Amino acid sequence: MTTIQADAPVATLINVFTVEPARQAELVAALNQATEQLFVGIPGFVSANIHASLDGARVVNYAQWASPEHFQAMLQRPDAQQHMGEIMRIADNTEPRLFIVCATHSVSAATTPPAGR
């Protein structure tokens, strides 16, 4: 399960893909399939969340790994490299980066302004 919390003991991958809007659904499907069939079984995988932009031009993968070392080990796997090659036949560009969560903010129900304001 994804937990977004400051100082959580995970490495967060945020990967922004640029894609032709006509191929966005195909990219989302490929990422979902690879996650379900491959990544969930790789040591150190924690979670993945796939986001599709409303304009159709981007897909974001917000994934968590147990550590940067687990993520780097995944990158060396031939099956993961094959998946990445397949994804890049759909996407135009990708910008993967590892992050740590520094802060989170939310509005509680008690402080949420009434509708219409």
C-alpha atoms as a PDB file:
ATOM      1  CA  MET A   1       0.000   0.000   0.000  1.00  0.00           C
ATOM      2  CA  THR A   2       1.239   3.474  -0.815  1.00  0.00           C
ATOM      3  CA  THR A   3       1.993   5.611   2.213  1.00  0.00           C
ATOM      4  CA  ILE A   4       2.954   9.205   1.578  1.00  0.00           C
ATOM      5  CA  GLN A   5       4.579  10.394   4.768  1.00  0.00           C
ATOM      6  CA  ALA A   6       7.575  12.569   5.508  1.00  0.00           C
ATOM      7  CA  ASP A   7      10.642  10.538   6.388  1.00  0.00           C
ATOM      8  CA  ALA A   8       8.984   7.253   5.353  1.00  0.00           C
ATOM      9  CA  PRO A   9      11.628   4.566   4.879  1.00  0.00           C
ATOM     10  CA  VAL A  10      11.094   4.263   1.117  1.00  0.00           C
ATOM     11  CA  ALA A  11      12.570   5.622  -2.079  1.00  0.00           C
ATOM     12  CA  THR A  12       9.908   7.215  -4.255  1.00  0.00           C
ATOM     13  CA  LEU A  13      10.172   6.979  -8.029  1.00  0.00           C
ATOM     14  CA  ILE A  14       8.319   9.697  -9.891  1.00  0.00           C
ATOM     15  CA  ASN A  15       8.493   8.930 -13.584  1.00  0.00           C
ATOM     16  CA  VAL A  16       6.844  11.381 -15.984  1.00  0.00           C
ATOM     17  CA  PHE A  17       6.184   9.990 -19.450  1.00  0.00           C
ATOM     18  CA  THR A  18       5.367  12.168 -22.452  1.00  0.00           C
ATOM     19  CA  VAL A  19       3.051  10.433 -24.891  1.00  0.00           C
ATOM     20  CA  GLU A  20       0.888  11.202 -27.901  1.00  0.00           C
ATOM     21  CA  PRO A  21      -2.643  11.659 -26.516  1.00  0.00           C
ATOM     22  CA  ALA A  22      -3.937   8.939 -28.836  1.00  0.00           C
ATOM     23  CA  ARG A  23      -1.550   6.467 -27.132  1.00  0.00           C
ATOM     24  CA  GLN A  24      -2.049   7.486 -23.494  1.00  0.00           C
ATOM     25  CA  ALA A  25      -4.488   4.638 -22.723  1.00  0.00           C
ATOM     26  CA  GLU A  26      -2.091   2.148 -24.319  1.00  0.00           C
ATOM     27  CA  LEU A  27       0.746   3.402 -22.121  1.00  0.00           C
ATOM     28  CA  VAL A  28      -1.401   3.230 -18.981  1.00  0.00           C
ATOM     29  CA  ALA A  29      -2.412  -0.338 -19.852  1.00  0.00           C
ATOM     30  CA  ALA A  30       1.219  -1.375 -20.483  1.00  0.00           C
ATOM     31  CA  LEU A  31       2.367   0.115 -17.174  1.00  0.00           C
ATOM     32  CA  ASN A  32      -0.489  -1.561 -15.305  1.00  0.00           C
ATOM     33  CA  GLN A  33       0.231  -4.920 -16.912  1.00  0.00           C
ATOM     34  CA  ALA A  34       3.960  -4.770 -16.185  1.00  0.00           C
ATOM     35  CA  THR A  35       3.310  -3.754 -12.593  1.00  0.00           C
ATOM     36  CA  GLU A  36       0.856  -6.608 -12.021  1.00  0.00           C
ATOM     37  CA  GLN A  37       2.913  -9.252 -13.837  1.00  0.00           C
ATOM     38  CA  LEU A  38       6.499  -8.205 -13.076  1.00  0.00           C
ATOM     39  CA  PHE A  39       7.183  -5.472 -10.568  1.00  0.00           C
ATOM     40  CA  VAL A  40       5.049  -6.744  -7.691  1.00  0.00           C
ATOM     41  CA  GLY A  41       7.301  -9.815  -7.551  1.00  0.00           C
ATOM     42  CA  ILE A  42      10.617  -7.951  -7.536  1.00  0.00           C
ATOM     43  CA  PRO A  43      12.330  -7.692  -4.129  1.00  0.00           C
ATOM     44  CA  GLY A  44      11.974  -4.215  -2.654  1.00  0.00           C
ATOM     45  CA  PHE A  45       8.860  -3.231  -4.600  1.00  0.00           C
ATOM     46  CA  VAL A  46       6.356  -1.476  -2.328  1.00  0.00           C
ATOM     47  CA  SER A  47       3.685   0.134  -4.520  1.00  0.00           C
ATOM     48  CA  ALA A  48       2.901   1.815  -7.824  1.00  0.00           C
ATOM     49  CA  ASN A  49       0.289   4.374  -8.808  1.00  0.00           C
ATOM     50  CA  ILE A  50      -0.346   5.283 -12.434  1.00  0.00           C
ATOM     51  CA  HIS A  51      -1.757   8.744 -13.228  1.00  0.00           C
ATOM     52  CA  ALA A  52      -3.040   9.936 -16.627  1.00  0.00           C
ATOM     53  CA  SER A  53      -3.101  13.672 -17.333  1.00  0.00           C
ATOM     54  CA  LEU A  54      -6.416  15.145 -18.377  1.00  0.00           C
ATOM     55  CA  ASP A  55      -4.880  16.541 -21.583  1.00  0.00           C
ATOM     56  CA  GLY A  56      -3.705  13.064 -22.616  1.00  0.00           C
ATOM     57  CA  ALA A  57      -0.077  14.104 -23.057  1.00  0.00           C
ATOM     58  CA  ARG A  58       1.455  12.702 -19.856  1.00  0.00           C
ATOM     59  CA  VAL A  59       1.415   9.596 -17.704  1.00  0.00           C
ATOM     60  CA  VAL A  60       3.010   9.636 -14.274  1.00  0.00           C
ATOM     61  CA  ASN A  61       4.148   6.563 -12.377  1.00  0.00           C
ATOM     62  CA  TYR A  62       4.460   7.249  -8.637  1.00  0.00           C
ATOM     63  CA  ALA A  63       6.142   4.128  -7.271  1.00  0.00           C
ATOM     64  CA  GLN A  64       7.769   3.274  -3.983  1.00  0.00           C
ATOM     65  CA  TRP A  65      10.752   1.000  -3.432  1.00  0.00           C
ATOM     66  CA  ALA A  66      12.198  -0.202  -0.128  1.00  0.00           C
ATOM     67  CA  SER A  67      15.478   1.592  -0.875  1.00  0.00           C
ATOM     68  CA  PRO A  68      17.432   3.221  -3.685  1.00  0.00           C
ATOM     69  CA  GLU A  69      19.503   0.016  -3.818  1.00  0.00           C
ATOM     70  CA  HIS A  70      16.386  -2.085  -4.489  1.00  0.00           C
ATOM     71  CA  PHE A  71      15.429   0.295  -7.279  1.00  0.00           C
ATOM     72  CA  GLN A  72      18.926   0.125  -8.802  1.00  0.00           C
ATOM     73  CA  ALA A  73      18.916  -3.685  -8.604  1.00  0.00           C
ATOM     74  CA  MET A  74      15.584  -3.740 -10.457  1.00  0.00           C
ATOM     75  CA  LEU A  75      17.097  -1.630 -13.254  1.00  0.00           C
ATOM     76  CA  GLN A  76      19.749  -4.330 -13.826  1.00  0.00           C
ATOM     77  CA  ARG A  77      17.208  -7.117 -14.358  1.00  0.00           C
ATOM     78  CA  PRO A  78      16.783  -8.247 -17.986  1.00  0.00           C
ATOM     79  CA  ASP A  79      13.009  -8.621 -17.557  1.00  0.00           C
ATOM     80  CA  ALA A  80      12.719  -5.048 -16.260  1.00  0.00           C
ATOM     81  CA  GLN A  81      14.923  -3.774 -19.097  1.00  0.00           C
ATOM     82  CA  GLN A  82      12.687  -5.559 -21.605  1.00  0.00           C
ATOM     83  CA  HIS A  83       9.627  -3.902 -20.068  1.00  0.00           C
ATOM     84  CA  MET A  84      11.272  -0.471 -20.229  1.00  0.00           C
ATOM     85  CA  GLY A  85      12.067  -1.011 -23.904  1.00  0.00           C
ATOM     86  CA  GLU A  86       8.438  -1.901 -24.599  1.00  0.00           C
ATOM     87  CA  ILE A  87       7.241   1.208 -22.743  1.00  0.00           C
ATOM     88  CA  MET A  88       9.590   3.435 -24.734  1.00  0.00           C
ATOM     89  CA  ARG A  89       8.059   2.131 -27.964  1.00  0.00           C
ATOM     90  CA  ILE A  90       4.826   3.773 -26.754  1.00  0.00           C
ATOM     91  CA  ALA A  91       6.089   6.841 -24.881  1.00  0.00           C
ATOM     92  CA  ASP A  92       7.925   9.709 -26.539  1.00  0.00           C
ATOM     93  CA  ASN A  93      10.054  10.553 -23.513  1.00  0.00           C
ATOM     94  CA  THR A  94      10.494   9.671 -19.852  1.00  0.00           C
ATOM     95  CA  GLU A  95      11.959  11.491 -16.866  1.00  0.00           C
ATOM     96  CA  PRO A  96      12.489   9.072 -13.957  1.00  0.00           C
ATOM     97  CA  ARG A  97      13.818  10.445 -10.659  1.00  0.00           C
ATOM     98  CA  LEU A  98      14.061   9.085  -7.114  1.00  0.00           C
ATOM     99  CA  PHE A  99      12.708  11.262  -4.298  1.00  0.00           C
ATOM    100  CA  ILE A 100      12.138  11.287  -0.567  1.00  0.00           C
ATOM    101  CA  VAL A 101       8.973  12.779   0.904  1.00  0.00           C
ATOM    102  CA  CYS A 102       9.904  15.900   2.859  1.00  0.00           C
ATOM    103  CA  ALA A 103       6.451  17.101   3.909  1.00  0.00           C
ATOM    104  CA  THR A 104       2.773  16.358   3.443  1.00  0.00           C
ATOM    105  CA  HIS A 105      -0.171  18.709   3.945  1.00  0.00           C
ATOM    106  CA  SER A 106      -3.914  18.214   3.959  1.00  0.00           C
ATOM    107  CA  VAL A 107      -7.091  19.925   5.018  1.00  0.00           C
ATOM    108  CA  SER A 108      -9.095  18.122   7.673  1.00  0.00           C
ATOM    109  CA  ALA A 109     -12.853  17.822   7.343  1.00  0.00           C
ATOM    110  CA  ALA A 110     -13.274  20.185  10.308  1.00  0.00           C
ATOM    111  CA  THR A 111     -11.449  23.007   8.505  1.00  0.00           C
ATOM    112  CA  THR A 112     -12.780  22.460   5.005  1.00  0.00           C
ATOM    113  CA  PRO A 113     -14.673  25.570   3.851  1.00  0.00           C
ATOM    114  CA  PRO A 114     -18.325  25.077   2.890  1.00  0.00           C
ATOM    115  CA  ALA A 115     -19.093  24.333  -0.757  1.00  0.00           C
ATOM    116  CA  GLY A 116     -19.270  27.361  -2.997  1.00  0.00           C
ATOM    117  CA  ARG A 117     -16.508  29.338  -1.314  1.00  0.00           C
END
